[in-house]
Amino acid sequence: MANTIQAIRGMHDVLPTQTPKWQFVEQQLREVLAAYGYSEIRLPIVEKTELFKRSIGEVTDIVEKEMYTFNDRNEDSLTLRPEGTAGCLRACLEHGLLHNQVHRLWYYGQMFRYERPQKGRYRQFIQLGVETYGMASADIDAELILLSHRFWQRLGIQDKVELQLNSLGTIEERAVYRDKLISYFEQQPELLDEDSQRRLHKNPLRILDTKNPAMKVLVENAPSLIDFLGEESKAHFETLTSRLTALNIAYTLNPRLVRGLDYYSKTVFEWVTTELGSQGTICAGGRYDGLIEQLGGKANHAVGFAMGMERLLLLLEACGDTTAVKPVDAYLILVGDVAEKAGLVLAEKLRDALPQLKLQMHCGGGSFKSQFKKADKSGADYALILGEDEVNNDVVGVKFLRTQDEQQTLSQAALISLLNK
């Protein structure tokens, strides 16, 4: 017998026992985004490789090591999207959505990065992205942080996450800082690891984001970018922090927060947690005003964030989340040929009358005892029992599976009334 084929390493299945929790969290997301007036945009999974090289930056781990890139039959270089911002902006430019317009958008779906798989980090992962265009003031930066904070409140984890903030200033300000940073690190080259030596003259800010504990003191003593900000960048950041303070949103200033992508400017932020060990970031984003021109558009303003769903689900689990999501409300047991035929009619009648009802009808025959076991295993609150006698008397038996209430025999109208409650 041939060996069974298994999933590709780092690309995992979400099983039926797990999907109700995913659906619950996704529903909370959609409701919060709708409450703030954000619209969904749906984007391709595959894009031209050049899009990511131009947006993310060629001297980044993503482009250098992590992208799934291939040539199609026309020898065009294509890439499975490693992140969503570039594709969203490409779509907006292609369809003329940025000319004298303001947009609040969100997208949701698979991203792909060739990384070492570990708990909460996969090679195919699900990400929520939120992007805004056409707004220059720090108020929209604050709104995105408030939106994400409201989501934590919905899930009951607002006390398990911490907001970290920094400002990267403008491209010109970072250029001055970059030179200072290179000079600082060049004074102690023996303390730089291999990755940092490679980045030193290409992308020295990424050294600040190192996870190498041996470089901790070196990085902590490096010059701080905030000391190189101009007045306009400082005013933007002060406006943001004052808005958050007025709304009692606690935050920590983190001068080493640089984010992993080249296109950020001014505000950058992360929501982090200590509940997941080293994989502590569950939401991250910031402002990227310069990326629109980088992709061929006219100068404009943009700010957004991304949230990894697998890591968020792990956080809920680590926090002991007990949210019950029932896949089935009622299970219809059918005993005998007459009941099996009538059961189809009854099931559709109940679904017509109660659109929100999650009703599972037994199929495949079997004894009453075996069907009842399946009803109990389904997690339903009610077992609806239909046999030949019930069909002839136009009634339905109701067994309460999660309470001590006595079994009842109800008319179909009374049954609808009960289930409606």
Protein backbone atom coordinates (compact mmCIF):
# COMPACT_ATOMS: atom_id res chain seq x y z
CA MET A 1 0.00 0.00 0.00
CA ALA A 2 1.38 3.38 -0.97
CA ASN A 3 2.28 5.87 1.75
CA THR A 4 -0.35 8.53 2.34
CA ILE A 5 0.46 12.08 1.22
CA GLN A 6 0.77 14.57 4.03
CA ALA A 7 0.54 18.36 4.12
CA ILE A 8 3.62 20.37 3.16
CA ARG A 9 5.78 21.28 6.14
CA GLY A 10 4.64 24.56 7.65
CA MET A 11 1.24 24.48 5.89
CA HIS A 12 -1.37 23.27 8.34
CA ASP A 13 -4.99 22.19 8.31
CA VAL A 14 -7.71 23.78 10.44
CA LEU A 15 -9.97 20.91 11.44
CA PRO A 16 -13.76 21.01 11.96
CA THR A 17 -13.31 21.00 15.74
CA GLN A 18 -11.19 24.16 15.43
CA THR A 19 -13.08 26.16 12.81
CA PRO A 20 -15.91 27.36 15.12
CA LYS A 21 -13.36 29.31 17.17
CA TRP A 22 -11.88 30.79 13.97
CA GLN A 23 -15.35 31.77 12.78
CA PHE A 24 -16.13 33.42 16.10
CA VAL A 25 -12.94 35.51 16.04
CA GLU A 26 -13.47 36.40 12.37
CA GLN A 27 -16.99 37.57 13.13
CA GLN A 28 -15.70 39.85 15.90
CA LEU A 29 -13.20 41.28 13.43
CA ARG A 30 -15.83 42.02 10.82
CA GLU A 31 -18.15 43.67 13.34
CA VAL A 32 -15.43 45.94 14.73
CA LEU A 33 -14.23 46.94 11.25
CA ALA A 34 -17.80 47.70 10.18
CA ALA A 35 -18.30 49.83 13.30
CA TYR A 36 -15.40 52.04 12.16
CA GLY A 37 -16.59 52.27 8.54
CA TYR A 38 -13.96 50.04 6.87
CA SER A 39 -14.68 48.24 3.58
CA GLU A 40 -13.38 44.84 2.48
CA ILE A 41 -11.15 44.43 -0.58
CA ARG A 42 -10.28 40.96 -1.96
CA LEU A 43 -6.86 40.53 -3.56
CA PRO A 44 -4.95 37.90 -5.58
CA ILE A 45 -2.67 35.49 -3.76
CA VAL A 46 -0.09 35.64 -6.59
CA GLU A 47 1.57 38.90 -7.68
CA LYS A 48 4.52 39.88 -9.88
CA THR A 49 7.77 39.42 -7.98
CA GLU A 50 8.85 42.96 -8.83
CA LEU A 51 5.99 44.32 -6.70
CA PHE A 52 7.53 42.93 -3.51
CA LYS A 53 11.10 43.79 -4.46
CA ARG A 54 10.10 47.41 -4.97
CA SER A 55 7.86 47.69 -1.91
CA ILE A 56 9.46 45.51 0.77
CA GLY A 57 13.06 46.20 -0.26
CA GLU A 58 15.56 43.78 -1.76
CA VAL A 59 17.79 43.82 1.33
CA THR A 60 15.26 42.26 3.68
CA ASP A 61 14.89 38.74 5.03
CA ILE A 62 11.55 38.40 3.25
CA VAL A 63 12.88 39.09 -0.25
CA GLU A 64 16.29 37.50 0.26
CA LYS A 65 15.23 34.30 2.03
CA GLU A 66 11.50 33.83 2.51
CA MET A 67 9.49 34.41 -0.67
CA TYR A 68 7.92 31.59 -2.68
CA THR A 69 8.93 32.72 -6.18
CA PHE A 70 8.60 30.85 -9.48
CA ASN A 71 8.47 31.43 -13.24
CA ASP A 72 5.16 30.71 -14.98
CA ARG A 73 4.84 29.31 -18.50
CA ASN A 74 5.50 32.74 -19.99
CA GLU A 75 8.70 32.96 -17.92
CA ASP A 76 7.23 35.79 -15.84
CA SER A 77 8.53 35.82 -12.27
CA LEU A 78 5.60 35.46 -9.86
CA THR A 79 5.47 35.27 -6.06
CA LEU A 80 2.98 33.97 -3.52
CA ARG A 81 2.22 37.08 -1.48
CA PRO A 82 4.37 37.27 1.70
CA GLU A 83 2.32 40.22 2.99
CA GLY A 84 -0.73 42.18 1.89
CA THR A 85 0.12 45.89 1.89
CA ALA A 86 1.90 45.93 -1.48
CA GLY A 87 -0.92 44.05 -3.24
CA CYS A 88 -3.58 46.28 -1.71
CA LEU A 89 -1.77 49.42 -2.82
CA ARG A 90 -1.16 47.93 -6.28
CA ALA A 91 -4.91 47.31 -6.62
CA CYS A 92 -5.77 50.84 -5.52
CA LEU A 93 -3.32 52.37 -8.01
CA GLU A 94 -4.45 50.08 -10.82
CA HIS A 95 -8.13 50.91 -10.33
CA GLY A 96 -7.70 54.63 -9.69
CA LEU A 97 -8.87 54.58 -6.08
CA LEU A 98 -6.31 57.05 -4.72
CA HIS A 99 -6.96 60.16 -6.84
CA ASN A 100 -8.41 62.81 -4.49
CA GLN A 101 -10.03 60.05 -2.42
CA VAL A 102 -9.92 58.74 1.13
CA HIS A 103 -10.20 55.00 1.74
CA ARG A 104 -10.42 52.71 4.77
CA LEU A 105 -9.90 49.11 3.61
CA TRP A 106 -9.35 45.64 5.02
CA TYR A 107 -8.47 42.24 3.58
CA TYR A 108 -8.12 38.74 4.99
CA GLY A 109 -6.42 35.62 3.71
CA GLN A 110 -3.35 33.44 3.22
CA MET A 111 0.20 34.76 3.13
CA PHE A 112 3.33 32.70 2.42
CA ARG A 113 6.86 32.89 3.82
CA TYR A 114 9.56 30.23 3.81
CA GLU A 115 10.54 30.32 7.48
CA ARG A 116 11.40 27.67 10.04
CA PRO A 117 7.97 26.46 11.19
CA GLN A 118 7.25 26.77 14.89
CA LYS A 119 4.21 27.22 17.09
CA GLY A 120 2.29 30.26 15.88
CA ARG A 121 4.52 30.75 12.83
CA TYR A 122 3.81 28.84 9.65
CA ARG A 123 4.85 28.98 6.01
CA GLN A 124 1.23 29.48 5.01
CA PHE A 125 -0.54 31.69 7.51
CA ILE A 126 -3.73 33.73 7.75
CA GLN A 127 -3.47 37.48 8.14
CA LEU A 128 -5.87 40.36 8.57
CA GLY A 129 -4.66 43.58 6.95
CA VAL A 130 -6.12 47.06 7.47
CA GLU A 131 -5.01 49.91 5.22
CA THR A 132 -6.01 53.59 5.01
CA TYR A 133 -5.17 56.09 2.27
CA GLY A 134 -5.33 59.85 1.79
CA MET A 135 -5.11 61.01 5.44
CA ALA A 136 -2.03 62.88 6.65
CA SER A 137 -2.86 63.65 10.28
CA ALA A 138 -1.99 61.48 13.27
CA ASP A 139 -5.71 61.08 14.02
CA ILE A 140 -5.96 58.16 11.59
CA ASP A 141 -2.89 56.56 13.21
CA ALA A 142 -4.74 56.84 16.53
CA GLU A 143 -7.94 55.43 15.03
CA LEU A 144 -6.17 52.27 13.86
CA ILE A 145 -4.74 51.72 17.33
CA LEU A 146 -8.17 52.32 18.89
CA LEU A 147 -9.76 49.89 16.42
CA SER A 148 -7.31 47.15 17.34
CA HIS A 149 -7.73 47.91 21.05
CA ARG A 150 -11.49 47.51 20.71
CA PHE A 151 -10.91 44.14 19.14
CA TRP A 152 -8.85 43.03 22.16
CA GLN A 153 -11.72 44.19 24.36
CA ARG A 154 -14.18 42.11 22.35
CA LEU A 155 -12.02 39.04 22.93
CA GLY A 156 -11.35 39.83 26.59
CA ILE A 157 -7.56 40.00 26.21
CA GLN A 158 -6.97 43.75 26.58
CA ASP A 159 -4.99 43.10 29.80
CA LYS A 160 -2.75 40.54 28.06
CA VAL A 161 -1.33 42.84 25.38
CA GLU A 162 0.88 45.92 25.48
CA LEU A 163 1.14 48.71 22.91
CA GLN A 164 4.67 49.74 21.87
CA LEU A 165 5.27 52.90 19.83
CA ASN A 166 8.09 54.55 17.93
CA SER A 167 8.59 57.07 15.15
CA LEU A 168 10.88 56.40 12.19
CA GLY A 169 10.65 59.98 10.93
CA THR A 170 10.97 60.81 7.24
CA ILE A 171 13.24 59.19 4.67
CA GLU A 172 15.58 62.20 4.86
CA GLU A 173 15.77 62.04 8.65
CA ARG A 174 16.45 58.33 8.55
CA ALA A 175 19.27 58.88 6.03
CA VAL A 176 21.12 61.09 8.54
CA TYR A 177 20.46 58.60 11.33
CA ARG A 178 21.56 55.73 9.11
CA ASP A 179 25.02 57.27 8.68
CA LYS A 180 25.37 57.76 12.46
CA LEU A 181 24.27 54.17 13.06
CA ILE A 182 26.80 52.76 10.59
CA SER A 183 29.58 54.77 12.23
CA TYR A 184 28.55 53.46 15.67
CA PHE A 185 28.51 49.80 14.63
CA GLU A 186 31.76 50.13 12.63
CA GLN A 187 33.56 50.97 15.86
CA GLN A 188 32.81 47.48 17.26
CA PRO A 189 32.64 45.14 14.23
CA GLU A 190 33.70 42.12 16.29
CA LEU A 191 30.40 42.30 18.20
CA LEU A 192 28.25 42.02 15.06
CA ASP A 193 26.91 38.61 14.11
CA GLU A 194 26.92 37.39 10.51
CA ASP A 195 23.45 38.78 9.66
CA SER A 196 24.31 42.18 11.15
CA GLN A 197 27.59 42.40 9.23
CA ARG A 198 25.69 41.70 6.02
CA ARG A 199 23.11 44.39 6.84
CA LEU A 200 25.55 47.03 8.10
CA HIS A 201 25.86 49.03 4.87
CA LYS A 202 22.60 47.91 3.24
CA ASN A 203 19.98 48.21 5.99
CA PRO A 204 21.59 49.06 9.35
CA LEU A 205 18.26 49.84 11.05
CA ARG A 206 17.40 46.14 10.86
CA ILE A 207 20.31 45.45 13.21
CA LEU A 208 18.29 47.16 15.94
CA ASP A 209 15.65 44.44 15.51
CA THR A 210 18.10 41.60 16.15
CA LYS A 211 17.00 38.73 18.38
CA ASN A 212 20.61 37.76 19.17
CA PRO A 213 21.05 38.12 22.97
CA ALA A 214 24.81 38.51 22.54
CA MET A 215 24.18 41.86 20.81
CA LYS A 216 21.71 43.21 23.39
CA VAL A 217 24.09 45.70 25.08
CA LEU A 218 25.50 46.87 21.74
CA VAL A 219 22.02 47.63 20.40
CA GLU A 220 20.83 49.26 23.64
CA ASN A 221 23.72 51.73 23.50
CA ALA A 222 23.21 52.62 19.84
CA PRO A 223 22.08 56.15 18.89
CA SER A 224 18.30 56.64 19.12
CA LEU A 225 16.39 57.60 15.98
CA ILE A 226 14.02 59.86 17.90
CA ASP A 227 16.94 62.24 18.53
CA PHE A 228 17.23 62.79 14.76
CA LEU A 229 13.57 63.65 14.08
CA GLY A 230 12.63 67.02 12.62
CA GLU A 231 9.95 69.31 14.06
CA GLU A 232 7.17 68.02 11.80
CA SER A 233 7.85 64.38 12.65
CA LYS A 234 8.03 65.20 16.34
CA ALA A 235 4.74 67.11 16.18
CA HIS A 236 3.06 64.19 14.39
CA PHE A 237 4.22 61.75 17.06
CA GLU A 238 3.24 64.07 19.92
CA THR A 239 -0.25 64.44 18.43
CA LEU A 240 -0.61 60.68 18.31
CA THR A 241 0.55 60.12 21.89
CA SER A 242 -1.66 62.92 23.20
CA ARG A 243 -4.72 61.37 21.52
CA LEU A 244 -3.93 57.99 23.07
CA THR A 245 -3.38 59.51 26.50
CA ALA A 246 -6.71 61.38 26.30
CA LEU A 247 -8.44 58.05 25.58
CA ASN A 248 -6.60 56.17 28.35
CA ILE A 249 -4.76 53.90 25.93
CA ALA A 250 -1.54 52.90 27.69
CA TYR A 251 1.62 52.61 25.60
CA THR A 252 5.37 52.12 25.93
CA LEU A 253 7.93 54.03 23.86
CA ASN A 254 10.31 51.56 22.22
CA PRO A 255 13.17 53.34 20.38
CA ARG A 256 14.37 49.98 18.95
CA LEU A 257 11.07 49.27 17.24
CA VAL A 258 11.88 49.54 13.52
CA ARG A 259 9.59 46.93 11.89
CA GLY A 260 10.91 44.49 9.29
CA LEU A 261 9.90 46.27 6.08
CA ASP A 262 11.60 49.20 4.38
CA TYR A 263 8.49 51.16 3.50
CA TYR A 264 7.51 52.48 6.97
CA SER A 265 7.88 56.14 7.99
CA LYS A 266 6.87 58.16 11.04
CA THR A 267 4.52 56.09 13.24
CA VAL A 268 5.27 52.42 13.85
CA PHE A 269 3.52 50.33 16.49
CA GLU A 270 3.20 46.77 17.77
CA TRP A 271 0.83 45.03 20.14
CA VAL A 272 2.91 42.49 22.06
CA THR A 273 2.22 39.87 24.72
CA THR A 274 4.30 37.89 27.20
CA GLU A 275 1.91 34.92 27.05
CA LEU A 276 3.49 33.32 23.96
CA GLY A 277 7.18 33.27 24.75
CA SER A 278 9.42 34.60 21.98
CA GLN A 279 6.52 34.89 19.50
CA GLY A 280 5.17 37.93 21.30
CA THR A 281 3.93 40.25 18.52
CA ILE A 282 0.29 39.72 17.55
CA CYS A 283 -0.40 42.94 15.62
CA ALA A 284 1.97 45.41 13.97
CA GLY A 285 1.81 48.35 11.61
CA GLY A 286 2.51 51.98 10.97
CA ARG A 287 2.65 54.75 8.40
CA TYR A 288 4.14 54.29 4.93
CA ASP A 289 3.57 57.55 3.02
CA GLY A 290 6.52 57.00 0.68
CA LEU A 291 5.45 53.61 -0.68
CA ILE A 292 2.82 54.99 -3.05
CA GLU A 293 5.43 56.93 -5.06
CA GLN A 294 7.75 53.93 -4.85
CA LEU A 295 5.13 51.89 -6.74
CA GLY A 296 4.55 54.55 -9.38
CA GLY A 297 1.71 56.59 -7.89
CA LYS A 298 1.51 60.25 -6.94
CA ALA A 299 2.62 61.27 -3.44
CA ASN A 300 -0.06 60.37 -0.90
CA HIS A 301 -0.54 59.24 2.68
CA ALA A 302 -1.00 55.70 3.95
CA VAL A 303 -1.11 53.90 7.30
CA GLY A 304 -2.19 50.41 8.28
CA PHE A 305 -1.55 47.27 10.30
CA ALA A 306 -1.50 43.48 9.97
CA MET A 307 -2.56 40.81 12.44
CA GLY A 308 -1.55 37.14 12.37
CA MET A 309 -4.55 34.97 13.11
CA GLU A 310 -2.76 31.78 14.18
CA ARG A 311 -0.83 33.66 16.84
CA LEU A 312 -3.98 35.41 18.01
CA LEU A 313 -5.79 32.09 18.39
CA LEU A 314 -2.83 30.77 20.38
CA LEU A 315 -3.04 33.80 22.67
CA LEU A 316 -6.73 33.15 23.31
CA GLU A 317 -5.89 29.55 24.16
CA ALA A 318 -3.04 30.61 26.46
CA CYS A 319 -5.38 33.01 28.27
CA GLY A 320 -7.80 30.17 28.98
CA ASP A 321 -10.49 31.40 26.62
CA THR A 322 -13.73 29.54 27.30
CA THR A 323 -15.92 31.07 24.61
CA ALA A 324 -18.33 28.34 23.59
CA VAL A 325 -19.13 28.15 19.89
CA LYS A 326 -21.69 25.45 19.15
CA PRO A 327 -21.59 24.06 15.61
CA VAL A 328 -25.09 22.57 16.08
CA ASP A 329 -28.17 23.77 18.01
CA ALA A 330 -30.44 20.81 17.33
CA TYR A 331 -29.98 17.27 15.99
CA LEU A 332 -32.86 15.59 14.16
CA ILE A 333 -33.15 11.83 14.84
CA LEU A 334 -35.13 9.85 12.25
CA VAL A 335 -36.36 6.33 13.01
CA GLY A 336 -37.79 4.33 10.10
CA ASP A 337 -38.45 4.91 6.41
CA VAL A 338 -41.55 7.04 6.99
CA ALA A 339 -39.65 9.34 9.36
CA GLU A 340 -36.68 9.62 7.02
CA LYS A 341 -38.92 10.92 4.24
CA ALA A 342 -40.88 13.27 6.52
CA GLY A 343 -37.67 14.43 8.21
CA LEU A 344 -36.43 16.18 5.09
CA VAL A 345 -39.66 18.18 4.96
CA LEU A 346 -39.53 19.03 8.67
CA ALA A 347 -35.87 20.07 8.53
CA GLU A 348 -36.49 22.50 5.67
CA LYS A 349 -39.58 23.89 7.40
CA LEU A 350 -37.53 24.61 10.54
CA ARG A 351 -34.76 26.25 8.52
CA ASP A 352 -37.32 28.42 6.71
CA ALA A 353 -38.90 29.52 9.99
CA LEU A 354 -35.62 29.96 11.91
CA PRO A 355 -32.79 31.11 9.57
CA GLN A 356 -30.31 31.34 12.46
CA LEU A 357 -30.96 27.79 13.66
CA LYS A 358 -28.05 25.37 13.24
CA LEU A 359 -29.88 22.10 12.58
CA GLN A 360 -28.18 18.84 11.71
CA MET A 361 -30.35 16.03 10.33
CA HIS A 362 -29.20 12.45 10.78
CA CYS A 363 -28.39 10.63 7.54
CA GLY A 364 -27.31 7.08 6.87
CA GLY A 365 -29.82 5.16 9.01
CA GLY A 366 -28.98 3.35 12.22
CA SER A 367 -30.74 2.45 15.45
CA PHE A 368 -32.31 4.99 17.76
CA LYS A 369 -29.55 4.37 20.32
CA SER A 370 -26.72 5.00 17.83
CA GLN A 371 -28.44 8.12 16.50
CA PHE A 372 -28.93 9.44 20.02
CA LYS A 373 -25.20 9.00 20.74
CA LYS A 374 -24.40 11.04 17.63
CA ALA A 375 -26.88 13.72 18.70
CA ASP A 376 -25.16 14.01 22.08
CA LYS A 377 -21.69 14.03 20.49
CA SER A 378 -22.70 16.83 18.12
CA GLY A 379 -22.87 19.28 21.02
CA ALA A 380 -26.50 20.16 20.26
CA ASP A 381 -28.82 21.40 23.00
CA TYR A 382 -31.78 19.46 21.64
CA ALA A 383 -32.40 16.05 20.10
CA LEU A 384 -35.50 16.21 17.91
CA ILE A 385 -37.06 12.76 17.59
CA LEU A 386 -39.20 11.75 14.64
CA GLY A 387 -40.56 8.23 14.22
CA GLU A 388 -43.61 6.81 12.45
CA ASP A 389 -45.91 7.61 15.41
CA GLU A 390 -44.72 11.21 15.53
CA VAL A 391 -45.24 11.57 11.77
CA ASN A 392 -48.79 10.16 12.00
CA ASN A 393 -49.66 12.49 14.90
CA ASP A 394 -47.90 15.53 13.38
CA VAL A 395 -45.70 16.01 16.47
CA VAL A 396 -41.99 15.90 17.32
CA GLY A 397 -40.27 14.52 20.41
CA VAL A 398 -37.79 16.87 22.10
CA LYS A 399 -35.02 15.57 24.36
CA PHE A 400 -33.05 18.22 26.29
CA LEU A 401 -29.40 17.17 26.07
CA ARG A 402 -27.73 19.80 28.28
CA THR A 403 -30.33 20.26 31.03
CA GLN A 404 -32.43 18.07 33.31
CA ASP A 405 -35.76 19.11 31.71
CA GLU A 406 -38.13 16.26 30.97
CA GLN A 407 -38.62 15.09 27.40
CA GLN A 408 -41.57 16.72 25.63
CA THR A 409 -43.78 15.99 22.65
CA LEU A 410 -44.65 19.16 20.76
CA SER A 411 -46.55 20.22 17.69
CA GLN A 412 -44.39 21.65 14.93
CA ALA A 413 -45.64 25.15 15.74
CA ALA A 414 -44.76 24.70 19.42
CA LEU A 415 -41.36 23.30 18.45
CA ILE A 416 -40.61 26.40 16.35
CA SER A 417 -41.61 28.56 19.28
CA LEU A 418 -39.29 26.63 21.63
CA LEU A 419 -36.31 26.76 19.28
CA ASN A 420 -36.91 30.44 18.59
CA LYS A 421 -36.31 31.18 22.29
